[in-house]
Protein backbone atom coordinates (compact mmCIF):
# COMPACT_ATOMS: atom_id res chain seq x y z
CA MET A 1 16.15 -13.95 14.34
CA THR A 2 13.04 -12.33 12.89
CA PRO A 3 10.70 -14.42 10.74
CA SER A 4 11.04 -13.92 7.00
CA ALA A 5 8.47 -11.93 5.07
CA ARG A 6 5.90 -13.88 3.10
CA ILE A 7 5.81 -12.95 -0.60
CA ALA A 8 2.95 -14.04 -2.86
CA ILE A 9 3.78 -14.31 -6.57
CA VAL A 10 0.72 -14.22 -8.84
CA ASP A 11 1.82 -15.02 -12.40
CA ASP A 12 0.52 -17.29 -15.16
CA ASP A 13 4.05 -17.90 -16.50
CA PRO A 14 5.35 -20.85 -14.44
CA GLU A 15 8.97 -20.44 -15.60
CA TYR A 16 9.12 -16.77 -14.64
CA ALA A 17 7.39 -17.46 -11.31
CA ALA A 18 9.84 -20.28 -10.55
CA VAL A 19 12.85 -18.02 -11.22
CA LEU A 20 11.35 -15.33 -8.96
CA GLU A 21 10.62 -17.92 -6.28
CA GLN A 22 14.21 -19.18 -6.33
CA MET A 23 15.69 -15.67 -6.32
CA LEU A 24 13.48 -14.47 -3.44
CA GLY A 25 14.02 -17.70 -1.53
CA CYS A 26 17.77 -17.08 -1.69
CA HIS A 27 17.12 -13.67 -0.08
CA GLY A 28 15.36 -15.37 2.82
CA TYR A 29 11.75 -14.71 1.83
CA ASP A 30 8.97 -17.26 2.31
CA VAL A 31 7.37 -17.50 -1.15
CA VAL A 32 3.98 -18.84 -2.22
CA LEU A 33 2.95 -19.12 -5.90
CA TYR A 34 -0.46 -18.60 -7.51
CA GLU A 35 -1.03 -19.28 -11.21
CA SER A 36 -4.02 -16.92 -11.58
CA GLY A 37 -5.75 -13.97 -10.00
CA ALA A 38 -8.72 -16.15 -9.06
CA ALA A 39 -6.47 -18.66 -7.26
CA PHE A 40 -4.78 -15.83 -5.38
CA LEU A 41 -8.08 -14.29 -4.28
CA ALA A 42 -9.30 -17.69 -3.09
CA GLY A 43 -6.09 -18.14 -1.08
CA LEU A 44 -6.27 -14.61 0.32
CA GLY A 45 -9.09 -15.63 2.62
CA GLN A 46 -6.89 -18.20 4.35
CA PRO A 47 -4.06 -17.33 6.76
CA PRO A 48 -1.28 -16.46 6.66
CA VAL A 49 -1.77 -13.29 4.66
CA PRO A 50 1.23 -12.35 2.49
CA ASP A 51 3.32 -9.37 3.51
CA VAL A 52 3.83 -8.32 -0.13
CA VAL A 53 2.22 -9.43 -3.40
CA LEU A 54 4.00 -9.48 -6.77
CA LEU A 55 1.11 -9.40 -9.23
CA ASP A 56 1.41 -9.98 -12.98
CA MET A 57 -0.47 -7.38 -15.00
CA VAL A 58 -1.44 -9.54 -17.99
CA MET A 59 -3.08 -12.89 -17.20
CA PRO A 60 -5.90 -14.82 -18.86
CA GLY A 61 -9.27 -14.58 -17.14
CA LEU A 62 -9.00 -12.11 -14.29
CA ASP A 63 -6.14 -9.76 -15.16
CA GLY A 64 -3.78 -8.11 -12.70
CA LEU A 65 -5.71 -4.86 -12.42
CA GLY A 66 -8.98 -6.67 -11.67
CA THR A 67 -7.20 -8.88 -9.15
CA LEU A 68 -5.63 -5.82 -7.50
CA LYS A 69 -8.99 -4.07 -7.13
CA ARG A 70 -10.65 -7.14 -5.59
CA ALA A 71 -7.72 -7.84 -3.27
CA ARG A 72 -7.78 -4.24 -2.02
CA MET A 73 -11.49 -4.62 -1.26
CA GLN A 74 -10.67 -7.58 1.00
CA LEU A 75 -7.47 -6.15 2.49
CA PRO A 76 -7.10 -2.39 1.84
CA ASP A 77 -3.60 -2.23 3.35
CA LEU A 78 -2.18 -5.17 1.38
CA PRO A 79 1.08 -4.05 -0.31
CA VAL A 80 0.93 -4.97 -4.00
CA ILE A 81 3.69 -4.53 -6.58
CA MET A 82 2.60 -4.91 -10.19
CA VAL A 83 4.97 -6.86 -12.46
CA SER A 84 4.52 -6.68 -16.21
CA GLY A 85 6.30 -7.23 -19.48
CA GLN A 86 4.59 -4.12 -20.81
CA GLN A 87 5.74 -0.63 -19.93
CA LYS A 88 2.58 1.19 -20.97
CA PRO A 89 2.10 4.48 -19.10
CA ALA A 90 -1.67 3.91 -18.93
CA ASN A 91 -1.13 0.56 -17.16
CA ILE A 92 1.26 2.14 -14.67
CA VAL A 93 -1.14 4.99 -13.90
CA ASP A 94 -4.14 2.63 -13.59
CA SER A 95 -2.19 0.34 -11.26
CA VAL A 96 -1.10 3.13 -8.95
CA ARG A 97 -4.61 4.61 -8.90
CA ALA A 98 -5.99 1.18 -7.95
CA GLY A 99 -3.58 1.00 -5.02
CA ALA A 100 -0.38 -0.64 -6.25
CA LEU A 101 2.74 0.58 -4.46
CA ASP A 102 5.06 0.06 -7.41
CA TYR A 103 5.23 -1.17 -11.02
CA ILE A 104 8.20 -3.30 -12.08
CA VAL A 105 8.84 -4.14 -15.74
CA LYS A 106 9.70 -7.78 -16.42
CA SER A 107 12.96 -8.32 -18.21
CA ALA A 108 14.00 -11.27 -20.36
CA SER A 109 15.49 -12.84 -17.24
CA ALA A 110 13.93 -12.29 -13.82
CA ALA A 111 17.37 -12.29 -12.26
CA SER A 112 18.80 -9.65 -14.61
CA ASN A 113 17.53 -6.76 -12.49
CA PRO A 114 17.09 -8.08 -8.96
CA ALA A 115 17.97 -4.72 -7.36
CA ALA A 116 14.80 -3.03 -8.66
CA LEU A 117 12.61 -5.87 -7.44
CA GLU A 118 14.40 -6.14 -4.09
CA GLY A 119 14.14 -2.36 -3.61
CA ALA A 120 10.41 -2.40 -4.35
CA ILE A 121 9.86 -5.27 -1.91
CA ARG A 122 11.87 -3.57 0.85
CA GLY A 123 9.95 -0.35 0.28
CA ALA A 124 6.63 -2.21 0.52
CA LEU A 125 7.73 -3.96 3.73
CA GLU A 126 8.85 -0.65 5.25
CA LYS A 127 5.54 0.99 4.35
CA ARG A 128 3.64 -1.93 5.88
CA ALA A 129 5.69 -1.68 9.09
CA LEU A 130 5.09 2.08 9.28
CA SER A 131 1.35 1.64 8.68
CA SER A 132 1.23 -0.93 11.48
CA GLU A 133 3.10 1.42 13.81
CA VAL A 134 0.75 4.32 12.96
CA ALA A 135 -2.29 2.11 13.63
CA THR A 136 -0.83 1.12 17.01
CA LEU A 137 -0.15 4.75 17.91
CA LYS A 138 -3.65 5.80 16.82
CA ALA A 139 -5.14 3.08 19.00
CA LYS A 140 -3.10 4.31 21.96
CA MET A 141 -4.13 7.92 21.30
CA SER A 142 -7.82 7.05 21.09
CA ASP A 143 -7.58 5.63 24.62
CA ASP A 144 -6.67 9.09 25.94
CA PRO A 145 -9.87 11.05 26.78
CA ALA A 146 -8.17 14.34 25.86
CA ASP A 147 -7.76 13.11 22.27
CA ARG A 148 -11.49 12.51 21.93
CA LEU A 149 -12.42 16.10 22.75
CA GLN A 150 -13.42 18.26 19.79
CA PRO A 151 -11.96 21.76 19.75
CA CYS A 152 -14.44 24.41 20.90
CA TRP A 153 -14.37 26.16 17.50
CA SER A 154 -15.51 23.09 15.56
CA ASN A 155 -19.18 24.12 15.84
CA SER A 156 -18.60 27.48 14.17
CA SER A 157 -20.24 27.77 10.73
CA SER A 158 -17.23 29.63 9.34
CA MET A 159 -14.87 26.83 10.44
CA LYS A 160 -16.88 23.93 8.96
CA PRO A 161 -15.36 24.27 5.44
CA VAL A 162 -11.89 24.43 6.99
CA LEU A 163 -12.54 21.32 9.10
CA THR A 164 -13.95 19.52 6.07
CA MET A 165 -10.70 20.24 4.21
CA VAL A 166 -8.65 19.05 7.22
CA GLU A 167 -10.61 15.77 7.29
CA ARG A 168 -10.07 15.27 3.54
CA VAL A 169 -6.29 15.57 3.71
CA ALA A 170 -5.69 14.03 7.17
CA ASP A 171 -5.25 10.44 5.91
CA SER A 172 -3.19 11.28 2.84
CA ASP A 173 0.59 11.17 2.50
CA VAL A 174 0.84 14.53 0.76
CA PRO A 175 2.59 17.56 2.25
CA VAL A 176 0.21 20.30 3.41
CA LEU A 177 1.02 24.02 3.33
CA ILE A 178 -1.08 26.19 5.63
CA THR A 179 -0.96 29.88 4.78
CA GLY A 180 -2.59 33.00 6.16
CA GLU A 181 -2.01 36.18 8.04
CA SER A 182 -0.57 36.22 11.52
CA GLY A 183 -3.14 35.31 14.17
CA VAL A 184 -5.68 33.52 11.95
CA GLY A 185 -5.07 30.11 13.55
CA LYS A 186 -2.58 28.34 11.29
CA GLU A 187 -1.02 26.56 14.27
CA VAL A 188 -4.45 25.47 15.55
CA ILE A 189 -5.29 23.99 12.13
CA ALA A 190 -1.88 22.27 11.97
CA LYS A 191 -2.47 20.70 15.39
CA GLU A 192 -5.95 19.53 14.35
CA LEU A 193 -4.55 18.06 11.14
CA HIS A 194 -1.87 16.25 13.14
CA ARG A 195 -4.45 15.06 15.69
CA GLN A 196 -6.60 13.52 12.98
């Protein structure tokens, strides 16, 4: 049996947090509660680190967005799902730009829409597992001397802008379309992008 995922709930509403804790506990998650962003950040420095964070957007003192930004400075790969009673587009955009994986709107009852919350948590856990697997594979690849060799064309002045573009998009999750005439090196660029 695999150990359960650890979920941190950061919410200043104790009743809502308690309902979430009970619901997630019934799904087999290990849940820890924090009543403020400052308390969460203080606890973040102590193991074990949560696998997913459910972070309230509106809290007194340090709000959810400020907490998210500070948490991502400490742990850039920490999966955070924003939870809010407000469905303001600006808040959603700001949260995603700051690194939140998802934005769930609170309902009158936390248990009234458990599928959305459960789906967001599963998605965050899957992304974390994939990120861990990619990091492991990158570590294995960096041990291979052939992977450390730079292509011979990387010193060419005409290729430097192309390589700069490859470096900029290599770590992103966006699809990349490489176009050009036959024989210009599209496959070489694709391999370099994949290598990075």
